[in-house]
Amino acid sequence: MKNTLGDLNNHLFAQLERLSDEELKGDALQEEIERAKSVTQVSSQIIQNGTLVLNANKYAKEWGVKEGKPRMLEG
């Protein structure tokens, strides 16, 4: 499975649409709110990981590292 930040963006907007459903009430609304909290937490971790990878690449270039990618960046 290969996901992109574009996929993440689509998932976040889909979640927003589900939360915006005015017919969603009571327990169903509470379940969707809990799901949204989980999606937000996972999304935040994905974004933080992406930031870490970008920073690692940036500093590797700045410091002239030419020995390949750090292990955590290998695909």
PDB file of N, CA and C in Angstrom:
ATOM      1  N   MET A   1       0.850  -1.173   0.000  1.00  0.00           N
ATOM      2  CA  MET A   1       0.000   0.000   0.000  1.00  0.00           C
ATOM      3  C   MET A   1       0.895   1.236   0.000  1.00  0.00           C
ATOM      4  N   LYS A   2       0.612   2.152  -0.876  1.00  0.00           N
ATOM      5  CA  LYS A   2       1.399   3.368  -0.959  1.00  0.00           C
ATOM      6  C   LYS A   2       0.439   4.550  -0.859  1.00  0.00           C
ATOM      7  N   ASN A   3       0.591   5.334   0.185  1.00  0.00           N
ATOM      8  CA  ASN A   3      -0.262   6.493   0.394  1.00  0.00           C
ATOM      9  C   ASN A   3       0.558   7.759   0.239  1.00  0.00           C
ATOM     10  N   THR A   4      -0.123   8.831  -0.100  1.00  0.00           N
ATOM     11  CA  THR A   4       0.534  10.118  -0.282  1.00  0.00           C
ATOM     12  C   THR A   4      -0.094  11.150   0.645  1.00  0.00           C
ATOM     13  N   LEU A   5       0.556  12.305   0.736  1.00  0.00           N
ATOM     14  CA  LEU A   5      -0.042  13.385   1.518  1.00  0.00           C
ATOM     15  C   LEU A   5      -1.331  13.868   0.857  1.00  0.00           C
ATOM     16  N   GLY A   6      -1.439  13.702  -0.449  1.00  0.00           N
ATOM     17  CA  GLY A   6      -2.698  14.016  -1.139  1.00  0.00           C
ATOM     18  C   GLY A   6      -3.820  13.112  -0.662  1.00  0.00           C
ATOM     19  N   ASP A   7      -3.500  11.824  -0.446  1.00  0.00           N
ATOM     20  CA  ASP A   7      -4.498  10.886   0.093  1.00  0.00           C
ATOM     21  C   ASP A   7      -4.922  11.312   1.493  1.00  0.00           C
ATOM     22  N   LEU A   8      -3.941  11.719   2.293  1.00  0.00           N
ATOM     23  CA  LEU A   8      -4.248  12.186   3.653  1.00  0.00           C
ATOM     24  C   LEU A   8      -5.181  13.388   3.592  1.00  0.00           C
ATOM     25  N   ASN A   9      -4.893  14.313   2.703  1.00  0.00           N
ATOM     26  CA  ASN A   9      -5.730  15.493   2.540  1.00  0.00           C
ATOM     27  C   ASN A   9      -7.162  15.092   2.186  1.00  0.00           C
ATOM     28  N   ASN A  10      -7.304  14.131   1.272  1.00  0.00           N
ATOM     29  CA  ASN A  10      -8.637  13.661   0.891  1.00  0.00           C
ATOM     30  C   ASN A  10      -9.370  13.030   2.070  1.00  0.00           C
ATOM     31  N   HIS A  11      -8.656  12.245   2.874  1.00  0.00           N
ATOM     32  CA  HIS A  11      -9.274  11.628   4.057  1.00  0.00           C
ATOM     33  C   HIS A  11      -9.734  12.682   5.057  1.00  0.00           C
ATOM     34  N   LEU A  12      -8.924  13.703   5.236  1.00  0.00           N
ATOM     35  CA  LEU A  12      -9.285  14.763   6.185  1.00  0.00           C
ATOM     36  C   LEU A  12     -10.528  15.521   5.714  1.00  0.00           C
ATOM     37  N   PHE A  13     -10.591  15.813   4.428  1.00  0.00           N
ATOM     38  CA  PHE A  13     -11.784  16.500   3.921  1.00  0.00           C
ATOM     39  C   PHE A  13     -13.018  15.604   3.970  1.00  0.00           C
ATOM     40  N   ALA A  14     -12.850  14.322   3.738  1.00  0.00           N
ATOM     41  CA  ALA A  14     -13.977  13.388   3.843  1.00  0.00           C
ATOM     42  C   ALA A  14     -14.478  13.342   5.284  1.00  0.00           C
ATOM     43  N   GLN A  15     -13.549  13.355   6.236  1.00  0.00           N
ATOM     44  CA  GLN A  15     -13.943  13.362   7.648  1.00  0.00           C
ATOM     45  C   GLN A  15     -14.697  14.640   7.980  1.00  0.00           C
ATOM     46  N   LEU A  16     -14.218  15.756   7.464  1.00  0.00           N
ATOM     47  CA  LEU A  16     -14.895  17.033   7.686  1.00  0.00           C
ATOM     48  C   LEU A  16     -16.315  17.000   7.125  1.00  0.00           C
ATOM     49  N   GLU A  17     -16.481  16.406   5.965  1.00  0.00           N
ATOM     50  CA  GLU A  17     -17.818  16.289   5.380  1.00  0.00           C
ATOM     51  C   GLU A  17     -18.733  15.439   6.257  1.00  0.00           C
ATOM     52  N   ARG A  18     -18.188  14.334   6.794  1.00  0.00           N
ATOM     53  CA  ARG A  18     -19.020  13.490   7.675  1.00  0.00           C
ATOM     54  C   ARG A  18     -19.424  14.255   8.928  1.00  0.00           C
ATOM     55  N   LEU A  19     -18.508  15.034   9.473  1.00  0.00           N
ATOM     56  CA  LEU A  19     -18.833  15.814  10.672  1.00  0.00           C
ATOM     57  C   LEU A  19     -19.838  16.925  10.373  1.00  0.00           C
ATOM     58  N   SER A  20     -19.869  17.384   9.138  1.00  0.00           N
ATOM     59  CA  SER A  20     -20.768  18.472   8.746  1.00  0.00           C
ATOM     60  C   SER A  20     -22.172  17.994   8.406  1.00  0.00           C
ATOM     61  N   ASP A  21     -22.396  16.683   8.426  1.00  0.00           N
ATOM     62  CA  ASP A  21     -23.707  16.123   8.100  1.00  0.00           C
ATOM     63  C   ASP A  21     -24.706  16.511   9.190  1.00  0.00           C
ATOM     64  N   GLU A  22     -25.628  17.385   8.848  1.00  0.00           N
ATOM     65  CA  GLU A  22     -26.596  17.888   9.830  1.00  0.00           C
ATOM     66  C   GLU A  22     -27.592  16.821  10.284  1.00  0.00           C
ATOM     67  N   GLU A  23     -27.690  15.727   9.567  1.00  0.00           N
ATOM     68  CA  GLU A  23     -28.599  14.649   9.957  1.00  0.00           C
ATOM     69  C   GLU A  23     -27.968  13.722  10.992  1.00  0.00           C
ATOM     70  N   LEU A  24     -26.679  13.865  11.207  1.00  0.00           N
ATOM     71  CA  LEU A  24     -25.963  13.036  12.165  1.00  0.00           C
ATOM     72  C   LEU A  24     -26.221  13.578  13.566  1.00  0.00           C
ATOM     73  N   LYS A  25     -26.808  12.741  14.416  1.00  0.00           N
ATOM     74  CA  LYS A  25     -27.178  13.198  15.763  1.00  0.00           C
ATOM     75  C   LYS A  25     -26.936  12.091  16.780  1.00  0.00           C
ATOM     76  N   GLY A  26     -26.969  12.452  18.030  1.00  0.00           N
ATOM     77  CA  GLY A  26     -26.900  11.485  19.119  1.00  0.00           C
ATOM     78  C   GLY A  26     -25.650  10.632  19.106  1.00  0.00           C
ATOM     79  N   ASP A  27     -25.870   9.324  19.289  1.00  0.00           N
ATOM     80  CA  ASP A  27     -24.745   8.385  19.368  1.00  0.00           C
ATOM     81  C   ASP A  27     -23.940   8.338  18.075  1.00  0.00           C
ATOM     82  N   ALA A  28     -24.620   8.441  16.940  1.00  0.00           N
ATOM     83  CA  ALA A  28     -23.913   8.407  15.660  1.00  0.00           C
ATOM     84  C   ALA A  28     -22.969   9.604  15.544  1.00  0.00           C
ATOM     85  N   LEU A  29     -23.410  10.763  16.010  1.00  0.00           N
ATOM     86  CA  LEU A  29     -22.568  11.954  15.989  1.00  0.00           C
ATOM     87  C   LEU A  29     -21.378  11.776  16.932  1.00  0.00           C
ATOM     88  N   GLN A  30     -21.632  11.236  18.110  1.00  0.00           N
ATOM     89  CA  GLN A  30     -20.542  11.010  19.074  1.00  0.00           C
ATOM     90  C   GLN A  30     -19.506  10.033  18.510  1.00  0.00           C
ATOM     91  N   GLU A  31     -19.982   8.994  17.845  1.00  0.00           N
ATOM     92  CA  GLU A  31     -19.055   8.039  17.224  1.00  0.00           C
ATOM     93  C   GLU A  31     -18.211   8.717  16.154  1.00  0.00           C
ATOM     94  N   GLU A  32     -18.844   9.581  15.375  1.00  0.00           N
ATOM     95  CA  GLU A  32     -18.101  10.283  14.321  1.00  0.00           C
ATOM     96  C   GLU A  32     -17.095  11.259  14.914  1.00  0.00           C
ATOM     97  N   ILE A  33     -17.453  11.884  16.003  1.00  0.00           N
ATOM     98  CA  ILE A  33     -16.518  12.795  16.689  1.00  0.00           C
ATOM     99  C   ILE A  33     -15.314  12.012  17.203  1.00  0.00           C
ATOM    100  N   GLU A  34     -15.553  10.853  17.788  1.00  0.00           N
ATOM    101  CA  GLU A  34     -14.442  10.016  18.271  1.00  0.00           C
ATOM    102  C   GLU A  34     -13.572   9.552  17.104  1.00  0.00           C
ATOM    103  N   ARG A  35     -14.207   9.181  16.003  1.00  0.00           N
ATOM    104  CA  ARG A  35     -13.452   8.775  14.815  1.00  0.00           C
ATOM    105  C   ARG A  35     -12.604   9.943  14.325  1.00  0.00           C
ATOM    106  N   ALA A  36     -13.178  11.138  14.314  1.00  0.00           N
ATOM    107  CA  ALA A  36     -12.450  12.330  13.864  1.00  0.00           C
ATOM    108  C   ALA A  36     -11.240  12.597  14.755  1.00  0.00           C
ATOM    109  N   LYS A  37     -11.388  12.393  16.053  1.00  0.00           N
ATOM    110  CA  LYS A  37     -10.260  12.577  16.969  1.00  0.00           C
ATOM    111  C   LYS A  37      -9.139  11.601  16.630  1.00  0.00           C
ATOM    112  N   SER A  38      -9.497  10.369  16.353  1.00  0.00           N
ATOM    113  CA  SER A  38      -8.494   9.362  15.988  1.00  0.00           C
ATOM    114  C   SER A  38      -7.816   9.711  14.672  1.00  0.00           C
ATOM    115  N   VAL A  39      -8.603  10.120  13.693  1.00  0.00           N
ATOM    116  CA  VAL A  39      -8.048  10.505  12.391  1.00  0.00           C
ATOM    117  C   VAL A  39      -7.093  11.681  12.565  1.00  0.00           C
ATOM    118  N   THR A  40      -7.470  12.636  13.396  1.00  0.00           N
ATOM    119  CA  THR A  40      -6.625  13.805  13.654  1.00  0.00           C
ATOM    120  C   THR A  40      -5.306  13.399  14.290  1.00  0.00           C
ATOM    121  N   GLN A  41      -5.345  12.507  15.259  1.00  0.00           N
ATOM    122  CA  GLN A  41      -4.118  12.063  15.928  1.00  0.00           C
ATOM    123  C   GLN A  41      -3.185  11.351  14.964  1.00  0.00           C
ATOM    124  N   VAL A  42      -3.722  10.442  14.176  1.00  0.00           N
ATOM    125  CA  VAL A  42      -2.897   9.710  13.208  1.00  0.00           C
ATOM    126  C   VAL A  42      -2.355  10.678  12.155  1.00  0.00           C
ATOM    127  N   SER A  43      -3.197  11.576  11.677  1.00  0.00           N
ATOM    128  CA  SER A  43      -2.769  12.555  10.676  1.00  0.00           C
ATOM    129  C   SER A  43      -1.632  13.418  11.199  1.00  0.00           C
ATOM    130  N   SER A  44      -1.739  13.836  12.441  1.00  0.00           N
ATOM    131  CA  SER A  44      -0.680  14.649  13.045  1.00  0.00           C
ATOM    132  C   SER A  44       0.643  13.897  13.077  1.00  0.00           C
ATOM    133  N   GLN A  45       0.591  12.616  13.393  1.00  0.00           N
ATOM    134  CA  GLN A  45       1.812  11.804  13.411  1.00  0.00           C
ATOM    135  C   GLN A  45       2.405  11.673  12.008  1.00  0.00           C
ATOM    136  N   ILE A  46       1.557  11.490  11.010  1.00  0.00           N
ATOM    137  CA  ILE A  46       2.027  11.392   9.631  1.00  0.00           C
ATOM    138  C   ILE A  46       2.705  12.693   9.215  1.00  0.00           C
ATOM    139  N   ILE A  47       2.090  13.812   9.553  1.00  0.00           N
ATOM    140  CA  ILE A  47       2.653  15.114   9.210  1.00  0.00           C
ATOM    141  C   ILE A  47       3.971  15.343   9.937  1.00  0.00           C
ATOM    142  N   GLN A  48       4.040  14.979  11.211  1.00  0.00           N
ATOM    143  CA  GLN A  48       5.296  15.116  11.962  1.00  0.00           C
ATOM    144  C   GLN A  48       6.390  14.245  11.359  1.00  0.00           C
ATOM    145  N   ASN A  49       6.035  13.050  10.954  1.00  0.00           N
ATOM    146  CA  ASN A  49       7.009  12.166  10.325  1.00  0.00           C
ATOM    147  C   ASN A  49       7.503  12.756   9.003  1.00  0.00           C
ATOM    148  N   GLY A  50       6.590  13.309   8.219  1.00  0.00           N
ATOM    149  CA  GLY A  50       6.971  13.954   6.965  1.00  0.00           C
ATOM    150  C   GLY A  50       7.910  15.126   7.199  1.00  0.00           C
ATOM    151  N   THR A  51       7.633  15.903   8.240  1.00  0.00           N
ATOM    152  CA  THR A  51       8.498  17.026   8.591  1.00  0.00           C
ATOM    153  C   THR A  51       9.877  16.539   8.996  1.00  0.00           C
ATOM    154  N   LEU A  52       9.934  15.470   9.757  1.00  0.00           N
ATOM    155  CA  LEU A  52      11.209  14.892  10.164  1.00  0.00           C
ATOM    156  C   LEU A  52      12.019  14.450   8.951  1.00  0.00           C
ATOM    157  N   VAL A  53      11.379  13.780   8.012  1.00  0.00           N
ATOM    158  CA  VAL A  53      12.065  13.318   6.801  1.00  0.00           C
ATOM    159  C   VAL A  53      12.589  14.504   6.004  1.00  0.00           C
ATOM    160  N   LEU A  54      11.749  15.536   5.835  1.00  0.00           N
ATOM    161  CA  LEU A  54      12.190  16.718   5.099  1.00  0.00           C
ATOM    162  C   LEU A  54      13.385  17.383   5.780  1.00  0.00           C
ATOM    163  N   ASN A  55      13.320  17.526   7.093  1.00  0.00           N
ATOM    164  CA  ASN A  55      14.428  18.139   7.830  1.00  0.00           C
ATOM    165  C   ASN A  55      15.695  17.292   7.740  1.00  0.00           C
ATOM    166  N   ALA A  56      15.553  15.986   7.825  1.00  0.00           N
ATOM    167  CA  ALA A  56      16.718  15.102   7.726  1.00  0.00           C
ATOM    168  C   ALA A  56      17.369  15.254   6.359  1.00  0.00           C
ATOM    169  N   ASN A  57      16.570  15.297   5.301  1.00  0.00           N
ATOM    170  CA  ASN A  57      17.114  15.488   3.950  1.00  0.00           C
ATOM    171  C   ASN A  57      17.783  16.848   3.820  1.00  0.00           C
ATOM    172  N   LYS A  58      17.133  17.871   4.370  1.00  0.00           N
ATOM    173  CA  LYS A  58      17.677  19.230   4.306  1.00  0.00           C
ATOM    174  C   LYS A  58      19.044  19.297   4.979  1.00  0.00           C
ATOM    175  N   TYR A  59      19.147  18.761   6.194  1.00  0.00           N
ATOM    176  CA  TYR A  59      20.411  18.833   6.921  1.00  0.00           C
ATOM    177  C   TYR A  59      21.468  17.929   6.298  1.00  0.00           C
ATOM    178  N   ALA A  60      21.064  16.811   5.754  1.00  0.00           N
ATOM    179  CA  ALA A  60      22.025  15.934   5.075  1.00  0.00           C
ATOM    180  C   ALA A  60      22.655  16.666   3.889  1.00  0.00           C
ATOM    181  N   LYS A  61      21.846  17.403   3.141  1.00  0.00           N
ATOM    182  CA  LYS A  61      22.370  18.176   2.011  1.00  0.00           C
ATOM    183  C   LYS A  61      23.264  19.310   2.489  1.00  0.00           C
ATOM    184  N   GLU A  62      22.810  20.020   3.539  1.00  0.00           N
ATOM    185  CA  GLU A  62      23.596  21.132   4.082  1.00  0.00           C
ATOM    186  C   GLU A  62      24.957  20.662   4.592  1.00  0.00           C
ATOM    187  N   TRP A  63      24.986  19.505   5.192  1.00  0.00           N
ATOM    188  CA  TRP A  63      26.219  18.999   5.793  1.00  0.00           C
ATOM    189  C   TRP A  63      27.030  18.147   4.821  1.00  0.00           C
ATOM    190  N   GLY A  64      26.547  18.030   3.590  1.00  0.00           N
ATOM    191  CA  GLY A  64      27.296  17.320   2.574  1.00  0.00           C
ATOM    192  C   GLY A  64      27.337  15.813   2.746  1.00  0.00           C
ATOM    193  N   VAL A  65      26.325  15.250   3.360  1.00  0.00           N
ATOM    194  CA  VAL A  65      26.265  13.798   3.530  1.00  0.00           C
ATOM    195  C   VAL A  65      25.989  13.166   2.176  1.00  0.00           C
ATOM    196  N   LYS A  66      26.904  12.301   1.720  1.00  0.00           N
ATOM    197  CA  LYS A  66      26.735  11.663   0.416  1.00  0.00           C
ATOM    198  C   LYS A  66      26.726  10.145   0.526  1.00  0.00           C
ATOM    199  N   GLU A  67      26.617   9.655   1.713  1.00  0.00           N
ATOM    200  CA  GLU A  67      26.722   8.206   1.954  1.00  0.00           C
ATOM    201  C   GLU A  67      25.369   7.515   1.856  1.00  0.00           C
ATOM    202  N   GLY A  68      24.445   8.101   1.171  1.00  0.00           N
ATOM    203  CA  GLY A  68      23.107   7.504   1.093  1.00  0.00           C
ATOM    204  C   GLY A  68      22.213   8.100   2.169  1.00  0.00           C
ATOM    205  N   LYS A  69      21.009   7.686   2.119  1.00  0.00           N
ATOM    206  CA  LYS A  69      20.019   8.200   3.070  1.00  0.00           C
ATOM    207  C   LYS A  69      20.215   7.570   4.438  1.00  0.00           C
ATOM    208  N   PRO A  70      19.868   8.312   5.485  1.00  0.00           N
ATOM    209  CA  PRO A  70      19.818   7.684   6.800  1.00  0.00           C
ATOM    210  C   PRO A  70      18.845   6.515   6.754  1.00  0.00           C
ATOM    211  N   ARG A  71      19.095   5.513   7.523  1.00  0.00           N
ATOM    212  CA  ARG A  71      18.307   4.288   7.470  1.00  0.00           C
ATOM    213  C   ARG A  71      16.797   4.524   7.556  1.00  0.00           C
ATOM    214  N   MET A  72      16.390   5.440   8.404  1.00  0.00           N
ATOM    215  CA  MET A  72      14.957   5.700   8.583  1.00  0.00           C
ATOM    216  C   MET A  72      14.301   6.295   7.332  1.00  0.00           C
ATOM    217  N   LEU A  73      15.104   6.784   6.393  1.00  0.00           N
ATOM    218  CA  LEU A  73      14.544   7.380   5.187  1.00  0.00           C
ATOM    219  C   LEU A  73      14.494   6.418   4.026  1.00  0.00           C
ATOM    220  N   GLU A  74      15.065   5.248   4.211  1.00  0.00           N
ATOM    221  CA  GLU A  74      15.075   4.278   3.117  1.00  0.00           C
ATOM    222  C   GLU A  74      13.670   3.768   2.860  1.00  0.00           C
ATOM    223  N   GLY A  75      13.352   3.577   1.589  1.00  0.00           N
ATOM    224  CA  GLY A  75      12.005   3.162   1.230  1.00  0.00           C
ATOM    225  C   GLY A  75      11.828   1.730   1.026  1.00  0.00           C
TER     226      GLY A  75
END
